[in-house]
Protein backbone atom coordinates (compact mmCIF):
# COMPACT_ATOMS: atom_id res chain seq x y z
CA UNK A 1 97.75 116.95 78.89
CA UNK A 2 97.75 120.35 80.53
CA UNK A 3 100.75 122.46 79.44
CA UNK A 4 102.18 122.58 82.96
CA UNK A 5 101.92 118.80 83.26
CA UNK A 6 103.69 118.27 79.94
CA UNK A 7 106.45 120.72 80.87
CA UNK A 8 107.18 118.92 84.13
CA UNK A 9 107.08 115.48 82.55
CA UNK A 10 109.44 116.56 79.77
CA UNK A 11 111.89 117.86 82.35
CA UNK A 12 111.80 114.78 84.56
CA UNK A 13 112.12 112.32 81.67
CA UNK A 14 115.18 114.29 80.52
CA UNK A 15 117.09 113.42 83.69
CA UNK A 16 118.81 110.03 83.24
CA UNK A 17 118.23 108.84 86.78
CA UNK A 18 119.04 105.18 86.17
CA UNK A 19 119.73 103.63 89.57
CA UNK A 20 123.43 103.19 88.78
CA UNK A 21 123.76 106.97 88.34
CA UNK A 22 123.27 110.00 90.56
CA UNK A 23 119.82 111.55 90.87
CA UNK A 24 121.09 114.83 92.29
CA UNK A 25 120.49 116.89 89.14
CA UNK A 26 116.79 115.97 89.24
CA UNK A 27 116.55 116.48 93.01
CA UNK A 28 118.20 119.90 92.77
CA UNK A 29 115.83 120.88 89.97
CA UNK A 30 112.81 119.99 92.14
CA UNK A 31 114.31 121.78 95.16
CA UNK A 32 114.85 124.96 93.12
CA UNK A 33 111.40 124.70 91.51
CA UNK A 34 109.75 124.43 94.93
CA UNK A 35 111.82 127.36 96.21
CA UNK A 36 110.49 129.51 93.36
CA UNK A 37 107.04 128.97 94.85
CA UNK A 38 108.16 129.76 98.40
CA UNK A 39 108.41 126.13 99.51
CA UNK A 40 111.43 124.87 101.43
CA UNK A 41 112.53 121.27 101.10
CA UNK A 42 114.81 118.93 103.00
CA UNK A 43 117.40 116.84 101.15
CA UNK A 44 118.30 113.50 102.68
CA UNK A 45 121.57 112.25 101.13
CA UNK A 46 122.78 108.68 100.93
CA UNK A 47 125.98 107.63 102.65
CA UNK A 48 128.13 108.28 99.58
CA UNK A 49 126.61 111.71 98.96
CA UNK A 50 125.93 111.06 95.27
CA UNK A 51 122.16 110.59 95.67
CA UNK A 52 119.44 112.13 97.79
CA UNK A 53 115.79 111.94 98.68
CA UNK A 54 113.64 115.05 99.03
CA UNK A 55 110.95 115.90 101.58
CA UNK A 56 108.80 119.03 101.36
CA UNK A 57 105.73 120.25 103.23
CA UNK A 58 103.26 122.53 101.46
CA UNK A 59 100.68 124.23 103.64
CA UNK A 60 100.26 124.42 107.41
CA UNK A 61 102.33 122.15 109.60
CA UNK A 62 99.41 120.43 111.24
CA UNK A 63 98.38 116.82 111.65
CA UNK A 64 96.16 115.15 109.08
CA UNK A 65 98.05 115.93 105.88
CA UNK A 66 98.54 113.78 102.80
CA UNK A 67 101.95 112.43 101.73
CA UNK A 68 102.60 111.89 98.02
CA UNK A 69 105.41 109.36 97.76
CA UNK A 70 107.39 108.51 94.65
CA UNK A 71 110.81 107.26 93.60
CA UNK A 72 113.03 109.27 91.29
CA UNK A 73 115.17 106.43 89.90
CA UNK A 74 114.40 104.37 86.80
CA UNK A 75 115.61 101.05 85.41
CA UNK A 76 118.27 100.89 82.66
CA UNK A 77 117.54 101.13 78.94
CA UNK A 78 120.77 99.46 77.77
CA UNK A 79 120.11 96.58 75.41
CA UNK A 80 116.44 97.41 74.96
CA UNK A 81 115.14 98.05 71.41
CA UNK A 82 113.64 101.51 71.87
CA UNK A 83 112.11 103.19 68.82
CA UNK A 84 112.41 106.64 70.45
CA UNK A 85 115.00 108.33 72.63
CA UNK A 86 114.08 106.98 76.09
CA UNK A 87 115.12 110.24 77.74
CA UNK A 88 113.10 112.54 75.48
CA UNK A 89 109.35 112.67 76.03
CA UNK A 90 107.69 111.69 72.73
CA UNK A 91 103.99 111.64 71.88
CA UNK A 92 102.50 109.17 69.38
CA UNK A 93 98.84 108.26 68.93
CA UNK A 94 97.74 109.32 72.39
CA UNK A 95 100.68 107.70 74.18
CA UNK A 96 103.62 109.50 75.80
CA UNK A 97 106.88 107.54 75.52
CA UNK A 98 110.00 107.75 77.67
CA UNK A 99 111.79 105.91 80.44
CA UNK A 100 109.85 106.50 83.62
CA UNK A 101 106.61 107.68 82.03
CA UNK A 102 104.78 104.78 83.68
CA UNK A 103 107.16 103.99 86.51
CA UNK A 104 106.81 106.58 87.97
CA UNK A 105 107.83 110.06 86.86
CA UNK A 106 104.35 110.93 85.59
CA UNK A 107 102.99 110.85 89.14
CA UNK A 108 105.80 113.13 90.34
CA UNK A 109 105.46 115.45 87.33
CA UNK A 110 101.73 115.88 87.83
CA UNK A 111 102.28 116.61 91.51
CA UNK A 112 104.86 119.25 90.60
CA UNK A 113 102.44 120.75 88.09
CA UNK A 114 99.95 121.15 90.94
CA UNK A 115 102.45 122.92 93.22
CA UNK A 116 101.59 126.51 92.12
CA UNK A 117 97.92 125.91 92.92
CA UNK A 118 98.76 124.26 96.26
CA UNK A 119 101.10 127.14 97.18
CA UNK A 120 98.37 129.76 96.61
CA UNK A 121 95.41 127.82 98.00
CA UNK A 122 94.04 128.20 101.56
CA UNK A 123 95.08 124.68 102.56
CA UNK A 124 93.63 123.47 105.85
CA UNK A 125 95.99 120.51 106.00
CA UNK A 126 99.37 120.00 104.32
CA UNK A 127 100.45 118.01 101.31
CA UNK A 128 103.92 116.46 101.45
CA UNK A 129 106.23 115.48 98.63
CA UNK A 130 108.37 112.49 99.67
CA UNK A 131 110.67 111.57 96.77
CA UNK A 132 113.19 108.77 97.23
CA UNK A 133 116.23 107.33 95.50
CA UNK A 134 117.16 103.73 94.68
CA UNK A 135 113.71 102.17 94.90
CA UNK A 136 114.43 100.01 91.85
CA UNK A 137 117.37 98.25 93.50
CA UNK A 138 115.78 97.43 96.83
CA UNK A 139 113.88 100.48 98.18
CA UNK A 140 117.16 101.69 99.67
CA UNK A 141 116.37 105.38 99.99
CA UNK A 142 112.95 105.15 101.63
CA UNK A 143 113.98 104.21 105.21
CA UNK A 144 115.88 107.46 105.85
CA UNK A 145 113.16 109.47 104.12
CA UNK A 146 110.45 107.84 106.24
CA UNK A 147 112.48 108.41 109.40
CA UNK A 148 112.81 112.13 108.57
CA UNK A 149 109.07 112.40 107.92
CA UNK A 150 108.21 110.66 111.18
CA UNK A 151 110.68 112.66 113.29
CA UNK A 152 110.18 116.15 111.90
CA UNK A 153 106.55 116.61 110.88
CA UNK A 154 103.03 116.25 112.32
CA UNK A 155 101.44 112.86 111.71
CA UNK A 156 99.77 112.73 108.27
CA UNK A 157 96.39 111.17 107.66
CA UNK A 158 97.53 109.13 104.67
CA UNK A 159 100.45 108.24 102.44
CA UNK A 160 99.71 107.76 98.73
CA UNK A 161 102.48 105.89 96.90
CA UNK A 162 102.07 106.76 93.23
CA UNK A 163 103.17 103.52 91.59
CA UNK A 164 101.45 102.74 88.25
CA UNK A 165 98.10 101.21 89.19
CA UNK A 166 95.90 102.60 86.37
CA UNK A 167 94.56 104.96 89.06
CA UNK A 168 92.99 101.97 90.84
CA UNK A 169 93.83 102.01 94.57
CA UNK A 170 95.93 99.04 95.73
CA UNK A 171 95.66 97.84 99.33
CA UNK A 172 98.14 94.94 99.38
CA UNK A 173 101.33 93.68 97.77
CA UNK A 174 103.86 90.93 98.38
CA UNK A 175 107.24 91.29 100.05
CA UNK A 176 110.56 90.71 98.31
CA UNK A 177 113.84 89.36 99.63
CA UNK A 178 116.77 89.34 97.22
CA UNK A 179 119.57 86.89 97.99
CA UNK A 180 123.02 86.10 96.59
CA UNK A 181 124.43 82.59 96.93
CA UNK A 182 128.19 82.07 96.66
CA UNK A 183 129.49 78.56 95.90
CA UNK A 184 133.11 77.49 96.26
CA UNK A 185 133.91 74.25 94.52
CA UNK A 186 137.24 72.62 93.71
CA UNK A 187 138.98 73.18 90.41
CA UNK A 188 140.51 70.32 88.43
CA UNK A 189 141.17 69.44 84.83
CA UNK A 190 137.84 68.77 83.15
CA UNK A 191 139.00 65.24 82.24
CA UNK A 192 139.38 64.41 85.95
CA UNK A 193 135.89 64.87 87.25
CA UNK A 194 136.61 62.50 90.13
CA UNK A 195 139.04 65.09 91.59
CA UNK A 196 137.00 68.26 91.28
CA UNK A 197 133.71 69.62 92.56
CA UNK A 198 131.87 71.82 90.10
CA UNK A 199 130.45 74.97 91.66
CA UNK A 200 128.28 75.36 88.56
CA UNK A 201 126.82 71.90 89.01
CA UNK A 202 125.98 72.67 92.64
CA UNK A 203 124.38 75.94 91.55
CA UNK A 204 122.27 74.13 88.97
CA UNK A 205 120.99 71.70 91.59
CA UNK A 206 120.14 74.52 93.98
CA UNK A 207 118.33 76.49 91.30
CA UNK A 208 116.35 73.35 90.50
CA UNK A 209 115.45 73.18 94.20
CA UNK A 210 114.27 76.81 94.08
CA UNK A 211 112.00 75.87 91.16
CA UNK A 212 110.67 72.92 93.17
CA UNK A 213 109.83 75.24 96.08
CA UNK A 214 107.97 77.54 93.69
CA UNK A 215 106.05 74.59 92.19
CA UNK A 216 105.18 73.37 95.67
CA UNK A 217 103.68 76.76 96.54
CA UNK A 218 101.78 76.89 93.25
CA UNK A 219 100.21 73.50 94.00
CA UNK A 220 99.08 74.72 97.42
CA UNK A 221 97.80 78.12 96.26
CA UNK A 222 94.50 79.46 97.50
CA UNK A 223 92.31 79.96 94.39
CA UNK A 224 90.53 82.83 96.16
CA UNK A 225 93.75 84.78 96.71
CA UNK A 226 93.59 88.33 95.29
CA UNK A 227 97.16 88.02 94.03
CA UNK A 228 98.33 86.96 90.57
CA UNK A 229 99.99 84.51 90.86
CA UNK A 230 98.12 83.53 94.03
CA UNK A 231 101.12 82.17 95.93
CA UNK A 232 104.62 82.98 97.14
CA UNK A 233 107.11 82.87 94.26
CA UNK A 234 110.81 82.03 94.10
CA UNK A 235 113.10 82.41 91.10
CA UNK A 236 116.78 82.73 90.18
CA UNK A 237 117.45 85.59 87.79
CA UNK A 238 121.25 85.87 87.46
CA UNK A 239 124.20 83.47 87.48
CA UNK A 240 127.92 83.72 86.87
CA UNK A 241 130.71 81.21 87.37
CA UNK A 242 133.62 79.19 86.08
CA UNK A 243 136.89 80.12 84.42
CA UNK A 244 137.05 78.04 81.20
CA UNK A 245 135.20 75.18 79.56
CA UNK A 246 138.05 72.74 80.28
CA UNK A 247 138.32 73.58 83.99
CA UNK A 248 135.90 72.19 86.57
CA UNK A 249 134.33 75.33 87.97
CA UNK A 250 135.82 76.40 91.28
CA UNK A 251 133.42 79.25 91.87
CA UNK A 252 129.91 80.33 91.01
CA UNK A 253 127.35 82.74 92.36
CA UNK A 254 123.73 83.40 91.54
CA UNK A 255 121.04 85.81 92.66
CA UNK A 256 117.48 84.90 93.43
CA UNK A 257 114.42 86.32 95.09
CA UNK A 258 111.51 85.29 97.28
CA UNK A 259 108.23 87.20 96.98
CA UNK A 260 106.05 86.23 99.91
CA UNK A 261 102.36 86.73 100.44
CA UNK A 262 101.57 89.11 103.31
CA UNK A 263 101.93 87.25 106.59
CA UNK A 264 104.50 84.72 105.31
CA UNK A 265 108.12 84.69 106.48
CA UNK A 266 110.79 84.37 103.78
CA UNK A 267 113.18 82.85 106.34
CA UNK A 268 111.23 79.59 106.17
CA UNK A 269 112.26 79.19 102.53
CA UNK A 270 115.86 80.18 103.21
CA UNK A 271 116.10 77.56 105.95
CA UNK A 272 114.91 74.87 103.57
CA UNK A 273 117.33 76.10 100.92
CA UNK A 274 120.27 76.00 103.33
CA UNK A 275 119.34 72.50 104.47
CA UNK A 276 119.33 71.40 100.83
CA UNK A 277 122.71 73.05 100.29
CA UNK A 278 124.20 71.15 103.22
CA UNK A 279 122.79 67.86 101.93
CA UNK A 280 124.58 68.47 98.63
CA UNK A 281 127.91 69.32 100.26
CA UNK A 282 128.06 66.57 102.88
CA UNK A 283 128.94 63.62 100.58
CA UNK A 284 131.55 65.70 98.72
CA UNK A 285 133.64 66.90 101.67
CA UNK A 286 135.86 63.81 101.74
CA UNK A 287 136.98 64.77 98.24
CA UNK A 288 137.21 68.51 98.85
CA UNK A 289 137.22 69.82 102.42
CA UNK A 290 137.12 73.53 101.51
CA UNK A 291 133.96 73.57 99.45
CA UNK A 292 131.17 75.82 100.72
CA UNK A 293 127.80 77.39 99.95
CA UNK A 294 127.03 80.73 101.57
CA UNK A 295 123.96 82.93 101.07
CA UNK A 296 123.65 86.62 101.89
CA UNK A 297 120.60 88.87 101.96
CA UNK A 298 121.04 91.69 99.45
CA UNK A 299 117.75 93.53 100.01
CA UNK A 300 114.56 93.01 101.98
CA UNK A 301 111.33 94.96 101.50
CA UNK A 302 108.28 94.08 103.59
CA UNK A 303 104.85 93.21 102.28
CA UNK A 304 102.02 95.70 102.43
CA UNK A 305 98.50 94.84 103.56
CA UNK A 306 96.17 97.63 104.67
CA UNK A 307 92.66 96.85 103.39
CA UNK A 308 91.03 99.58 105.48
CA UNK A 309 91.94 102.74 107.35
CA UNK A 310 92.32 106.47 106.77
CA UNK A 311 94.15 106.17 103.45
CA UNK A 312 91.46 103.80 102.18
CA UNK A 313 88.73 106.23 103.25
CA UNK A 314 90.52 109.16 101.59
CA UNK A 315 90.81 107.29 98.31
CA UNK A 316 87.07 106.68 98.50
CA UNK A 317 86.69 110.45 98.06
CA UNK A 318 89.41 110.88 95.44
CA UNK A 319 88.50 107.75 93.41
CA UNK A 320 84.76 107.24 93.95
CA UNK A 321 83.49 103.71 93.43
CA UNK A 322 86.92 102.05 93.33
CA UNK A 323 87.47 98.34 93.83
CA UNK A 324 90.55 97.64 95.97
CA UNK A 325 93.32 95.72 94.22
CA UNK A 326 96.25 93.50 95.29
CA UNK A 327 99.45 93.31 93.24
CA UNK A 328 102.48 90.97 93.16
CA UNK A 329 105.14 93.65 92.74
CA UNK A 330 106.81 95.53 95.60
CA UNK A 331 106.83 99.19 96.51
CA UNK A 332 107.85 101.45 99.38
CA UNK A 333 104.31 101.10 100.82
CA UNK A 334 105.40 98.19 103.02
CA UNK A 335 108.14 100.34 104.54
CA UNK A 336 105.70 103.16 105.27
CA UNK A 337 103.24 100.73 106.86
CA UNK A 338 105.97 99.12 108.98
CA UNK A 339 106.82 102.61 110.28
CA UNK A 340 103.23 103.14 111.41
CA UNK A 341 101.81 105.17 108.51
CA UNK A 342 98.41 104.61 106.93
CA UNK A 343 99.22 103.98 103.26
CA UNK A 344 97.73 103.05 99.91
CA UNK A 345 99.04 102.75 96.32
CA UNK A 346 97.46 104.78 93.54
CA UNK A 347 99.06 106.30 90.47
CA UNK A 348 98.79 106.74 86.71
CA UNK A 349 100.10 104.27 84.16
CA UNK A 350 100.19 100.52 83.79
CA UNK A 351 102.69 98.23 85.50
CA UNK A 352 102.69 96.18 82.27
CA UNK A 353 104.57 99.08 80.63
CA UNK A 354 107.11 99.48 83.43
CA UNK A 355 110.70 98.40 82.70
CA UNK A 356 109.81 97.71 79.03
CA UNK A 357 111.33 99.14 75.86
CA UNK A 358 109.12 101.95 74.54
CA UNK A 359 107.65 102.48 77.98
CA UNK A 360 104.66 104.79 77.78
CA UNK A 361 101.70 106.28 79.59
CA UNK A 362 98.39 106.94 77.89
CA UNK A 363 96.85 110.37 77.56
CA UNK A 364 93.75 109.02 79.33
CA UNK A 365 95.80 108.04 82.39
CA UNK A 366 97.38 111.48 82.61
CA UNK A 367 93.96 113.12 82.40
CA UNK A 368 92.61 110.82 85.12
CA UNK A 369 95.54 111.73 87.38
CA UNK A 370 95.03 115.45 86.76
CA UNK A 371 91.42 115.06 87.95
CA UNK A 372 92.72 113.11 90.96
CA UNK A 373 95.01 116.00 91.95
CA UNK A 374 92.19 118.51 91.43
CA UNK A 375 90.07 116.54 93.89
CA UNK A 376 92.98 116.34 96.31
CA UNK A 377 93.29 120.14 96.25
CA UNK A 378 89.60 120.52 97.13
CA UNK A 379 90.00 118.01 99.95
CA UNK A 380 93.02 119.80 101.40
CA UNK A 381 91.14 123.10 101.41
CA UNK A 382 87.99 121.72 103.06
CA UNK A 383 87.51 122.33 106.80
CA UNK A 384 88.77 119.48 108.97
């Protein structure tokens, strides 16, 4: 790793920007670092004012620039068996360990390491840094950031979202809709099951139905799909309910998600889920009139599918000979595409390492990304 790359990665890993905490210390560091090189930046705060996104333009304010997009937040480390301090960059056997090394502070750090060269170079078109907050909990910061980019700057040629793709350009990913289902049952003594309605039992039946929907999609999957798995997925990942083992549960809630293939509408699955919920409640209402099942949408991020276009053509120059990939995870690329931008995913690191204890990025991936940014500099300096 080049010394300037290592310095920036060490600094970024040192900021504990878990989504439940503020990212302002990191954002202010980047703002001040850019200012040292004569580059102004725009901070876009969230409603509470405890987090912000950052948008900066380096070079001439003309159309045809390249946006480098990344998120500054990371997932928690609590409860994970790390063998190193997750917030101290540590090198072992050609791997660099730390929370966010793969997902996705390395991309941001390497971009920051390139800033001095960009600031001095005779750029013919600009490079933008678009750094968001709260991607990990629903891509919450990107919409305001994208709106600021669209309203205040000339149209860029391409947006590169630097998620960990092993430096292989990605042209499609699924959507995600996260939902929370609240169930109100009727409490009773656990010996009098004929009087109560268990919210936990209803939740269990609904989660079983979610699994049946997933199995149905798996059975209908197109074997030629570029996605793994090659179908829309549904799963319940969190549940809480009840008061005590000897009380029929009067309340329960669980959270689940739907990850649709591009072109599919998640509302179809919600409608089937709600119909199943009503079929469960109907025969129980004579016993308990106030029981209910209500589902709310917590977060919704669109799919991304842009197999050709300006971003694709640019990546042909920056990553010669690449084979376009499709991935099942979600990024902010779908939000950029929905806003009319030409976008592609490409960044260092492996998604298999993301969110894991002892998260790392390999030395080889960092070197590949450094070459990528060198090529980008040459491209930005070339005549239009």
